[in-house]
Amino acid sequence: MARRATRFDWSGYLIGFALGGFFDGILLHQILQWHHLLSTINGDDIRFQVAADGYFHAAMYVVAGMGLWLLWSAQRRREAYTGRRLLGGILVGFGLWHALDAVLSHWLLGIHRIRMDSDVPVVWDLAWLGIFGLIPLAIGLLLQERDNNGSGGERRVPRAVAPVLLTMLVFGSGAQALRPPAGSDFTTHFMTVLFMPGTTPQAVFAAIGAVDGELVWSDRSGELVVIRMGDGQSGWTLFRHGAILVGGSGMPAGCLNYLRAQV
């Protein structure tokens, strides 16, 4: 008989699902710059694309927050769980995100593909689905099945260790994106900043001055900018000056090249 899902199970599913979204957003949207969330919609509007990516990450934080709340709630109730089962749940959620993204975003809705510049995008879609979707999903289900069968005993994770580590992982990923790179020979780094609609150029330059920054690039509206920040400055300061989205990915060169090709 299948074991009924507990709070710890659902916390793992939700946290894994959110981590899958973070993984894709950070790696594919920012680092590799292979696509945006809505690459096939308003493809020539970089402000729209950056905003969509930002709100997508915000939605993933909501999902991760729900998972963390369930995890801490179960911990307070002193529910028994094993590290194997929690890890299995996270892998299941991680794999489910990529399976859902492939079926819904790539094939049914067609809002983006893994490689927008590929002549055969389905090859990249299937490879990504297999490596980051089906394999983690299968491993996660296997771990949970072994836990159901009692293999390895009922060794519990020490109380609060897993909730603390997972909370640090979720919130630390967001803070890291706003932090200057450590151990680098460069004393500056780039920030992509989206301001509220209607923000005046004077307010934008005041925000840039507040972080000792330098304007590198701006879209036509002047509300989406890339700035070079001095060493030791924090992107969090920009939120106090009208910014609604701040990312440490710097100038989205690959995405901008794709957008120019569509104009």
Protein backbone atom coordinates (compact mmCIF):
# COMPACT_ATOMS: atom_id res chain seq x y z
CA MET A 1 0.00 0.00 0.00
CA ALA A 2 1.31 3.44 -0.93
CA ARG A 3 2.30 5.59 2.00
CA ARG A 4 0.20 8.71 2.51
CA ALA A 5 2.10 11.92 1.75
CA THR A 6 3.05 13.82 4.90
CA ARG A 7 3.89 17.47 5.49
CA PHE A 8 7.54 16.60 5.05
CA ASP A 9 6.75 14.94 1.71
CA TRP A 10 4.91 18.02 0.44
CA SER A 11 7.60 20.33 1.73
CA GLY A 12 10.17 18.40 -0.29
CA TYR A 13 8.00 18.42 -3.41
CA LEU A 14 7.41 22.19 -3.23
CA ILE A 15 11.01 23.10 -2.39
CA GLY A 16 12.31 20.83 -5.15
CA PHE A 17 9.84 22.33 -7.62
CA ALA A 18 10.97 25.86 -6.71
CA LEU A 19 14.66 24.89 -6.92
CA GLY A 20 13.98 23.51 -10.40
CA GLY A 21 12.57 26.89 -11.40
CA PHE A 22 15.51 28.74 -9.84
CA PHE A 23 17.96 26.40 -11.57
CA ASP A 24 16.45 27.02 -14.99
CA GLY A 25 16.02 30.76 -14.47
CA ILE A 26 19.53 31.40 -13.19
CA LEU A 27 21.35 29.04 -15.55
CA LEU A 28 19.34 29.44 -18.77
CA HIS A 29 18.00 33.00 -18.48
CA GLN A 30 20.99 34.69 -16.86
CA ILE A 31 24.22 32.70 -17.19
CA LEU A 32 23.88 30.84 -20.49
CA GLN A 33 21.26 33.31 -21.80
CA TRP A 34 19.63 30.73 -24.06
CA HIS A 35 16.10 32.02 -23.60
CA HIS A 36 13.70 34.14 -21.56
CA LEU A 37 10.54 32.80 -19.95
CA LEU A 38 8.42 34.40 -22.71
CA SER A 39 10.93 34.46 -25.57
CA THR A 40 8.27 33.93 -28.26
CA ILE A 41 5.99 36.69 -26.92
CA ASN A 42 6.95 40.32 -27.55
CA GLY A 43 10.41 39.06 -28.44
CA ASP A 44 11.71 42.53 -29.31
CA ASP A 45 10.76 44.07 -25.94
CA ILE A 46 13.66 43.46 -23.52
CA ARG A 47 11.88 45.28 -20.69
CA PHE A 48 8.94 42.89 -20.99
CA GLN A 49 11.27 39.87 -21.07
CA VAL A 50 13.27 40.92 -18.00
CA ALA A 51 10.08 41.73 -16.08
CA ALA A 52 8.58 38.32 -16.95
CA ASP A 53 11.76 36.55 -15.76
CA GLY A 54 11.72 38.54 -12.54
CA TYR A 55 8.10 37.80 -11.73
CA PHE A 56 8.72 34.15 -12.53
CA HIS A 57 11.47 34.06 -9.89
CA ALA A 58 9.14 35.83 -7.46
CA ALA A 59 6.54 33.10 -8.05
CA MET A 60 9.17 30.46 -7.35
CA TYR A 61 9.93 32.19 -4.04
CA VAL A 62 6.24 31.89 -3.13
CA VAL A 63 6.33 28.15 -3.87
CA ALA A 64 9.59 27.76 -1.91
CA GLY A 65 8.09 29.74 0.97
CA MET A 66 5.12 27.37 1.11
CA GLY A 67 7.49 24.41 1.17
CA LEU A 68 9.60 25.94 3.95
CA TRP A 69 6.48 26.73 5.97
CA LEU A 70 5.37 23.09 5.72
CA LEU A 71 8.86 21.90 6.65
CA TRP A 72 9.08 24.10 9.75
CA SER A 73 5.48 23.26 10.69
CA ALA A 74 6.21 19.54 10.53
CA GLN A 75 9.40 20.08 12.52
CA ARG A 76 7.45 21.84 15.28
CA ARG A 77 4.98 18.95 15.32
CA ARG A 78 8.01 16.65 15.70
CA GLU A 79 6.88 14.45 12.82
CA ALA A 80 9.30 11.63 12.09
CA TYR A 81 11.09 11.64 8.75
CA THR A 82 14.28 10.37 7.21
CA GLY A 83 16.84 12.31 5.23
CA ARG A 84 16.39 9.83 2.41
CA ARG A 85 12.68 10.58 2.15
CA LEU A 86 13.16 14.34 2.27
CA LEU A 87 15.87 14.21 -0.41
CA GLY A 88 13.66 11.97 -2.51
CA GLY A 89 10.82 14.48 -2.28
CA ILE A 90 13.09 17.33 -3.34
CA LEU A 91 14.33 15.34 -6.36
CA VAL A 92 10.76 14.44 -7.30
CA GLY A 93 9.76 18.12 -7.19
CA PHE A 94 12.87 19.13 -9.14
CA GLY A 95 12.16 16.56 -11.84
CA LEU A 96 8.45 17.44 -11.99
CA TRP A 97 9.31 21.09 -12.63
CA HIS A 98 11.36 20.17 -15.69
CA ALA A 99 8.75 17.70 -16.94
CA LEU A 100 6.00 20.31 -16.59
CA ASP A 101 8.17 22.99 -18.20
CA ALA A 102 8.93 20.75 -21.18
CA VAL A 103 5.35 19.67 -21.82
CA LEU A 104 3.60 22.96 -21.03
CA SER A 105 6.11 25.72 -21.88
CA HIS A 106 8.03 24.08 -24.73
CA TRP A 107 5.43 22.01 -26.58
CA LEU A 108 1.86 23.00 -25.67
CA LEU A 109 2.16 26.77 -25.15
CA GLY A 110 5.41 27.26 -27.05
CA ILE A 111 6.47 30.29 -25.00
CA HIS A 112 10.13 29.30 -25.20
CA ARG A 113 12.49 26.43 -26.03
CA ILE A 114 15.70 25.43 -24.27
CA ARG A 115 17.82 26.79 -27.14
CA MET A 116 15.98 29.51 -29.04
CA ASP A 117 18.81 29.71 -31.58
CA SER A 118 18.87 25.98 -32.35
CA ASP A 119 17.87 24.64 -35.77
CA VAL A 120 16.48 21.53 -34.05
CA PRO A 121 15.15 22.78 -30.68
CA VAL A 122 13.38 19.52 -29.84
CA VAL A 123 16.76 17.80 -29.41
CA TRP A 124 17.72 20.27 -26.67
CA ASP A 125 14.23 20.02 -25.14
CA LEU A 126 14.41 16.23 -24.92
CA ALA A 127 17.98 16.17 -23.62
CA TRP A 128 17.16 18.71 -20.89
CA LEU A 129 14.00 16.80 -19.96
CA GLY A 130 15.90 13.54 -19.68
CA ILE A 131 18.88 14.81 -17.71
CA PHE A 132 17.18 17.27 -15.36
CA GLY A 133 13.64 15.94 -15.39
CA LEU A 134 13.27 12.19 -15.78
CA ILE A 135 16.52 11.13 -14.08
CA PRO A 136 16.00 13.17 -10.85
CA LEU A 137 12.34 12.13 -10.82
CA ALA A 138 13.23 8.43 -11.08
CA ILE A 139 15.94 8.70 -8.38
CA GLY A 140 13.57 10.58 -6.07
CA LEU A 141 10.81 8.00 -6.48
CA LEU A 142 13.32 5.21 -5.88
CA LEU A 143 14.54 6.82 -2.65
CA GLN A 144 10.98 7.23 -1.43
CA GLU A 145 10.11 3.66 -2.34
CA ARG A 146 13.14 2.34 -0.42
CA ASP A 147 12.07 4.47 2.53
CA ASN A 148 8.53 3.02 2.32
CA ASN A 149 10.01 -0.47 2.46
CA GLY A 150 12.01 0.42 5.56
CA SER A 151 15.39 -0.11 3.91
CA GLY A 152 18.09 1.45 6.02
CA GLY A 153 15.97 1.83 9.10
CA GLU A 154 14.22 4.91 10.45
CA ARG A 155 17.25 7.09 11.04
CA ARG A 156 15.98 10.60 11.50
CA VAL A 157 17.64 13.77 10.36
CA PRO A 158 18.63 15.77 13.49
CA ARG A 159 15.85 18.17 14.45
CA ALA A 160 15.93 21.52 12.63
CA VAL A 161 19.04 20.67 10.59
CA ALA A 162 17.15 20.15 7.33
CA PRO A 163 14.81 23.17 7.79
CA VAL A 164 17.76 25.45 8.57
CA LEU A 165 19.85 24.22 5.63
CA LEU A 166 17.00 24.43 3.14
CA THR A 167 15.98 27.89 4.35
CA MET A 168 19.57 29.08 3.91
CA LEU A 169 19.68 27.54 0.42
CA VAL A 170 16.48 29.25 -0.76
CA PHE A 171 17.15 32.71 0.64
CA GLY A 172 20.88 32.56 0.07
CA SER A 173 20.38 32.06 -3.68
CA GLY A 174 18.50 35.34 -3.94
CA ALA A 175 21.00 37.24 -1.80
CA GLN A 176 23.92 35.90 -3.83
CA ALA A 177 22.48 37.40 -7.03
CA LEU A 178 22.69 40.86 -5.44
CA ARG A 179 26.20 40.46 -4.05
CA PRO A 180 29.46 41.52 -5.72
CA PRO A 181 31.63 38.56 -6.71
CA ALA A 182 34.16 37.66 -4.04
CA GLY A 183 37.78 36.82 -4.73
CA SER A 184 37.77 38.55 -8.09
CA ASP A 185 40.35 40.86 -9.61
CA PHE A 186 37.51 43.07 -10.80
CA THR A 187 36.44 45.90 -8.50
CA THR A 188 33.14 46.42 -10.29
CA HIS A 189 30.20 44.35 -11.37
CA PHE A 190 27.05 44.81 -13.38
CA MET A 191 23.43 44.93 -12.30
CA THR A 192 20.30 44.75 -14.45
CA VAL A 193 17.68 46.98 -12.79
CA LEU A 194 14.00 47.44 -13.62
CA PHE A 195 12.27 50.51 -12.15
CA MET A 196 8.57 51.09 -11.59
CA PRO A 197 6.62 52.35 -14.63
CA GLY A 198 6.65 56.14 -14.74
CA THR A 199 9.98 56.50 -12.93
CA THR A 200 11.59 59.71 -14.13
CA PRO A 201 15.14 59.85 -15.52
CA GLN A 202 16.10 62.04 -12.56
CA ALA A 203 14.92 59.34 -10.13
CA VAL A 204 16.81 56.65 -12.04
CA PHE A 205 20.05 58.63 -11.94
CA ALA A 206 19.49 59.36 -8.24
CA ALA A 207 19.21 55.62 -7.60
CA ILE A 208 22.37 54.95 -9.59
CA GLY A 209 24.17 57.65 -7.62
CA ALA A 210 23.01 56.11 -4.35
CA VAL A 211 25.11 53.02 -5.10
CA ASP A 212 28.02 54.95 -6.65
CA GLY A 213 27.07 53.39 -9.94
CA GLU A 214 27.63 54.18 -13.61
CA LEU A 215 25.01 53.82 -16.34
CA VAL A 216 26.09 51.26 -18.96
CA TRP A 217 22.92 50.68 -20.98
CA SER A 218 19.26 51.75 -20.97
CA ASP A 219 16.19 50.79 -22.97
CA ARG A 220 14.01 53.36 -24.68
CA SER A 221 11.79 53.91 -21.65
CA GLY A 222 14.76 54.55 -19.36
CA GLU A 223 13.16 52.26 -16.77
CA LEU A 224 15.31 49.21 -17.57
CA VAL A 225 19.01 49.87 -17.11
CA VAL A 226 22.30 48.06 -16.71
CA ILE A 227 24.68 49.77 -14.29
CA ARG A 228 28.25 49.19 -13.18
CA MET A 229 28.48 49.20 -9.39
CA GLY A 230 31.53 49.96 -7.30
CA ASP A 231 33.14 47.42 -5.02
CA GLY A 232 31.27 46.88 -1.78
CA GLN A 233 27.93 48.26 -3.00
CA SER A 234 24.77 46.19 -2.57
CA GLY A 235 21.89 45.82 -4.99
CA TRP A 236 19.45 45.86 -2.07
CA THR A 237 19.92 49.64 -1.86
CA LEU A 238 18.28 50.06 -5.26
CA PHE A 239 14.95 48.77 -3.94
CA ARG A 240 14.74 51.82 -1.68
CA HIS A 241 14.98 54.05 -4.76
CA GLY A 242 12.15 52.70 -6.89
CA ALA A 243 13.59 49.48 -8.32
CA ILE A 244 11.17 46.58 -8.52
CA LEU A 245 13.56 43.96 -9.96
CA VAL A 246 17.33 43.74 -9.49
CA GLY A 247 19.56 41.02 -10.87
CA GLY A 248 23.28 40.43 -10.79
CA SER A 249 23.43 38.85 -14.23
CA GLY A 250 24.83 41.99 -15.80
CA MET A 251 24.39 42.95 -19.42
CA PRO A 252 22.15 40.28 -21.03
CA ALA A 253 24.34 40.13 -24.13
CA GLY A 254 23.14 36.81 -25.48
CA CYS A 255 19.49 37.69 -24.99
CA LEU A 256 19.96 41.13 -26.51
CA ASN A 257 21.56 39.59 -29.59
CA TYR A 258 18.58 37.29 -29.96
CA LEU A 259 16.19 40.22 -29.57
CA ARG A 260 17.99 42.32 -32.14
CA ALA A 261 17.69 39.46 -34.60
CA GLN A 262 13.92 39.63 -34.24
CA VAL A 263 13.59 43.36 -34.92
